[in-house]
Amino acid sequence: MRVMLHKEMRDWAVIQRRVDDLYMRASKDPKAAQAVISLEASLAECRGDIEDAERRMQQLQALVKEMNLRSAQDRREMQRYKEKAFGLRGGEENEKPVPVTPRAEDTAAAPKRRRVRRFA
C-alpha cells in the first residue's frame, strides 16, 4: 500500500511539473493558455473522482464493520436461544447424543415364533 502511494505521489509530482511548464508557456502563447485551462479542468475532475471513490470506500468499510458486528450479535443471540431452548451449556453442544435403546420389558413381551417352512 505504501509503495503504491509513493508511486502515485511521484506521478502527481511529474504532472505538476508539466503543469508548471505549461503555465510558463501560457504566459507567452494563448493556445498554451487554453491547454492549461483544459488540463486544470480535467485534473480537478480526476481529483473529484478520487475523493468520491475514497468517500465511497470509507462508506463501504463502515458497512462491512457494521455487518460484522451484526453477525457477531446474531451468533450470540442464536447461542443464547439454543441454551435456553435446548438446555445446552458451553461444551455440551459438541457431545454426540446417546443412542436410544429399547427397554428390556419391550423386548421380552413379544415371544419368538418359530418359522414354519412349507414345501409345495
C-alpha atoms as a PDB file:
ATOM      1  CA  MET A   1       0.000   0.000   0.000  1.00  0.00           C
ATOM      2  CA  ARG A   2       2.794   2.370   0.966  1.00  0.00           C
ATOM      3  CA  VAL A   3       4.751   1.632  -2.234  1.00  0.00           C
ATOM      4  CA  MET A   4       1.653   2.273  -4.329  1.00  0.00           C
ATOM      5  CA  LEU A   5       1.047   5.567  -2.505  1.00  0.00           C
ATOM      6  CA  HIS A   6       4.628   6.727  -3.128  1.00  0.00           C
ATOM      7  CA  LYS A   7       4.324   5.815  -6.811  1.00  0.00           C
ATOM      8  CA  GLU A   8       1.106   7.814  -7.101  1.00  0.00           C
ATOM      9  CA  MET A   9       2.746  10.778  -5.362  1.00  0.00           C
ATOM     10  CA  ARG A  10       5.670  10.643  -7.831  1.00  0.00           C
ATOM     11  CA  ASP A  11       3.207  10.521 -10.738  1.00  0.00           C
ATOM     12  CA  TRP A  12       1.373  13.574  -9.400  1.00  0.00           C
ATOM     13  CA  ALA A  13       4.711  15.382  -8.983  1.00  0.00           C
ATOM     14  CA  VAL A  14       5.521  14.743 -12.664  1.00  0.00           C
ATOM     15  CA  ILE A  15       2.081  16.009 -13.666  1.00  0.00           C
ATOM     16  CA  GLN A  16       2.544  19.112 -11.518  1.00  0.00           C
ATOM     17  CA  ARG A  17       5.896  19.834 -13.179  1.00  0.00           C
ATOM     18  CA  ARG A  18       4.250  19.558 -16.592  1.00  0.00           C
ATOM     19  CA  VAL A  19       1.510  21.944 -15.497  1.00  0.00           C
ATOM     20  CA  ASP A  20       4.111  24.412 -14.262  1.00  0.00           C
ATOM     21  CA  ASP A  21       5.889  24.192 -17.637  1.00  0.00           C
ATOM     22  CA  LEU A  22       2.588  24.839 -19.394  1.00  0.00           C
ATOM     23  CA  TYR A  23       1.997  27.890 -17.180  1.00  0.00           C
ATOM     24  CA  MET A  24       5.365  29.257 -18.259  1.00  0.00           C
ATOM     25  CA  ARG A  25       4.437  28.749 -21.913  1.00  0.00           C
ATOM     26  CA  ALA A  26       0.889  30.028 -21.358  1.00  0.00           C
ATOM     27  CA  SER A  27       2.211  33.420 -20.345  1.00  0.00           C
ATOM     28  CA  LYS A  28       3.604  33.739 -23.895  1.00  0.00           C
ATOM     29  CA  ASP A  29       1.146  31.686 -26.040  1.00  0.00           C
ATOM     30  CA  PRO A  30      -2.710  31.891 -25.992  1.00  0.00           C
ATOM     31  CA  LYS A  31      -3.088  28.310 -27.277  1.00  0.00           C
ATOM     32  CA  ALA A  32      -0.966  27.033 -24.419  1.00  0.00           C
ATOM     33  CA  ALA A  33      -3.138  29.050 -22.030  1.00  0.00           C
ATOM     34  CA  GLN A  34      -6.243  27.224 -23.299  1.00  0.00           C
ATOM     35  CA  ALA A  35      -4.428  23.879 -22.960  1.00  0.00           C
ATOM     36  CA  VAL A  36      -3.580  24.775 -19.363  1.00  0.00           C
ATOM     37  CA  ILE A  37      -7.208  25.619 -18.605  1.00  0.00           C
ATOM     38  CA  SER A  38      -8.492  22.336 -20.087  1.00  0.00           C
ATOM     39  CA  LEU A  39      -5.793  20.384 -18.259  1.00  0.00           C
ATOM     40  CA  GLU A  40      -6.701  22.045 -14.955  1.00  0.00           C
ATOM     41  CA  ALA A  41     -10.365  21.183 -15.516  1.00  0.00           C
ATOM     42  CA  SER A  42      -9.584  17.521 -16.240  1.00  0.00           C
ATOM     43  CA  LEU A  43      -7.272  17.299 -13.205  1.00  0.00           C
ATOM     44  CA  ALA A  44      -9.940  18.841 -10.987  1.00  0.00           C
ATOM     45  CA  GLU A  45     -12.421  16.284 -12.296  1.00  0.00           C
ATOM     46  CA  CYS A  46      -9.968  13.436 -11.614  1.00  0.00           C
ATOM     47  CA  ARG A  47      -9.348  14.690  -8.092  1.00  0.00           C
ATOM     48  CA  GLY A  48     -13.098  14.922  -7.553  1.00  0.00           C
ATOM     49  CA  ASP A  49     -13.477  11.329  -8.745  1.00  0.00           C
ATOM     50  CA  ILE A  50     -10.685  10.215  -6.427  1.00  0.00           C
ATOM     51  CA  GLU A  51     -12.285  11.966  -3.458  1.00  0.00           C
ATOM     52  CA  ASP A  52     -15.638  10.412  -4.360  1.00  0.00           C
ATOM     53  CA  ALA A  53     -14.048   6.955  -4.581  1.00  0.00           C
ATOM     54  CA  GLU A  54     -12.336   7.455  -1.209  1.00  0.00           C
ATOM     55  CA  ARG A  55     -15.624   8.566   0.331  1.00  0.00           C
ATOM     56  CA  ARG A  56     -17.396   5.502  -1.073  1.00  0.00           C
ATOM     57  CA  MET A  57     -14.586   3.246   0.133  1.00  0.00           C
ATOM     58  CA  GLN A  58     -14.966   4.640   3.657  1.00  0.00           C
ATOM     59  CA  GLN A  59     -18.735   4.109   3.483  1.00  0.00           C
ATOM     60  CA  LEU A  60     -18.210   0.505   2.350  1.00  0.00           C
ATOM     61  CA  GLN A  61     -15.714  -0.109   5.143  1.00  0.00           C
ATOM     62  CA  ALA A  62     -18.224   1.245   7.656  1.00  0.00           C
ATOM     63  CA  LEU A  63     -20.932  -1.018   6.224  1.00  0.00           C
ATOM     64  CA  VAL A  64     -18.651  -4.068   6.396  1.00  0.00           C
ATOM     65  CA  LYS A  65     -17.807  -3.254  10.003  1.00  0.00           C
ATOM     66  CA  GLU A  66     -21.493  -2.851  10.851  1.00  0.00           C
ATOM     67  CA  MET A  67     -22.334  -6.156   9.130  1.00  0.00           C
ATOM     68  CA  ASN A  68     -19.587  -7.936  11.074  1.00  0.00           C
ATOM     69  CA  LEU A  69     -20.904  -6.510  14.345  1.00  0.00           C
ATOM     70  CA  ARG A  70     -24.463  -7.556  13.485  1.00  0.00           C
ATOM     71  CA  SER A  71     -23.275 -11.032  12.521  1.00  0.00           C
ATOM     72  CA  ALA A  72     -21.462 -11.415  15.835  1.00  0.00           C
ATOM     73  CA  GLN A  73     -24.550 -10.204  17.683  1.00  0.00           C
ATOM     74  CA  ASP A  74     -26.750 -12.678  15.766  1.00  0.00           C
ATOM     75  CA  ARG A  75     -24.364 -15.528  16.630  1.00  0.00           C
ATOM     76  CA  ARG A  76     -24.529 -14.591  20.309  1.00  0.00           C
ATOM     77  CA  GLU A  77     -28.327 -14.407  20.187  1.00  0.00           C
ATOM     78  CA  MET A  78     -28.550 -17.811  18.473  1.00  0.00           C
ATOM     79  CA  GLN A  79     -26.252 -19.293  21.098  1.00  0.00           C
ATOM     80  CA  ARG A  80     -28.422 -17.871  23.908  1.00  0.00           C
ATOM     81  CA  TYR A  81     -31.534 -19.179  22.162  1.00  0.00           C
ATOM     82  CA  LYS A  82     -30.009 -22.670  21.854  1.00  0.00           C
ATOM     83  CA  GLU A  83     -29.032 -22.647  25.500  1.00  0.00           C
ATOM     84  CA  LYS A  84     -32.497 -21.520  26.524  1.00  0.00           C
ATOM     85  CA  ALA A  85     -34.476 -23.802  24.209  1.00  0.00           C
ATOM     86  CA  PHE A  86     -32.401 -26.966  24.396  1.00  0.00           C
ATOM     87  CA  GLY A  87     -30.763 -26.554  27.761  1.00  0.00           C
ATOM     88  CA  LEU A  88     -27.294 -26.662  26.278  1.00  0.00           C
ATOM     89  CA  ARG A  89     -24.372 -25.344  28.200  1.00  0.00           C
ATOM     90  CA  GLY A  90     -20.998 -24.209  26.911  1.00  0.00           C
ATOM     91  CA  GLY A  91     -19.391 -27.521  25.901  1.00  0.00           C
ATOM     92  CA  GLU A  92     -22.417 -29.823  25.719  1.00  0.00           C
ATOM     93  CA  GLU A  93     -23.294 -28.954  22.142  1.00  0.00           C
ATOM     94  CA  ASN A  94     -20.181 -30.721  20.881  1.00  0.00           C
ATOM     95  CA  GLU A  95     -21.107 -34.021  22.521  1.00  0.00           C
ATOM     96  CA  LYS A  96     -22.829 -36.694  20.452  1.00  0.00           C
ATOM     97  CA  PRO A  97     -26.327 -37.688  21.552  1.00  0.00           C
ATOM     98  CA  VAL A  98     -26.679 -41.042  23.285  1.00  0.00           C
ATOM     99  CA  PRO A  99     -28.477 -43.579  21.046  1.00  0.00           C
ATOM    100  CA  VAL A 100     -31.856 -44.725  22.331  1.00  0.00           C
ATOM    101  CA  THR A 101     -32.007 -48.441  23.154  1.00  0.00           C
ATOM    102  CA  PRO A 102     -35.267 -50.351  23.608  1.00  0.00           C
ATOM    103  CA  ARG A 103     -36.297 -51.160  27.157  1.00  0.00           C
ATOM    104  CA  ALA A 104     -35.912 -54.708  28.438  1.00  0.00           C
ATOM    105  CA  GLU A 105     -39.691 -55.077  29.038  1.00  0.00           C
ATOM    106  CA  ASP A 106     -40.468 -54.265  25.386  1.00  0.00           C
ATOM    107  CA  THR A 107     -38.131 -56.934  24.019  1.00  0.00           C
ATOM    108  CA  ALA A 108     -39.308 -59.639  26.416  1.00  0.00           C
ATOM    109  CA  ALA A 109     -43.019 -59.016  25.725  1.00  0.00           C
ATOM    110  CA  ALA A 110     -43.001 -60.422  22.207  1.00  0.00           C
ATOM    111  CA  PRO A 111     -42.430 -64.222  22.156  1.00  0.00           C
ATOM    112  CA  LYS A 112     -40.230 -65.534  19.437  1.00  0.00           C
ATOM    113  CA  ARG A 113     -42.069 -67.598  16.870  1.00  0.00           C
ATOM    114  CA  ARG A 114     -40.578 -70.453  15.058  1.00  0.00           C
ATOM    115  CA  ARG A 115     -40.638 -70.046  11.335  1.00  0.00           C
ATOM    116  CA  VAL A 116     -42.523 -72.772   9.538  1.00  0.00           C
ATOM    117  CA  ARG A 117     -41.297 -73.767   6.101  1.00  0.00           C
ATOM    118  CA  ARG A 118     -43.759 -75.166   3.656  1.00  0.00           C
ATOM    119  CA  PHE A 119     -42.765 -77.020   0.564  1.00  0.00           C
ATOM    120  CA  ALA A 120     -45.110 -77.412  -2.378  1.00  0.00           C
END
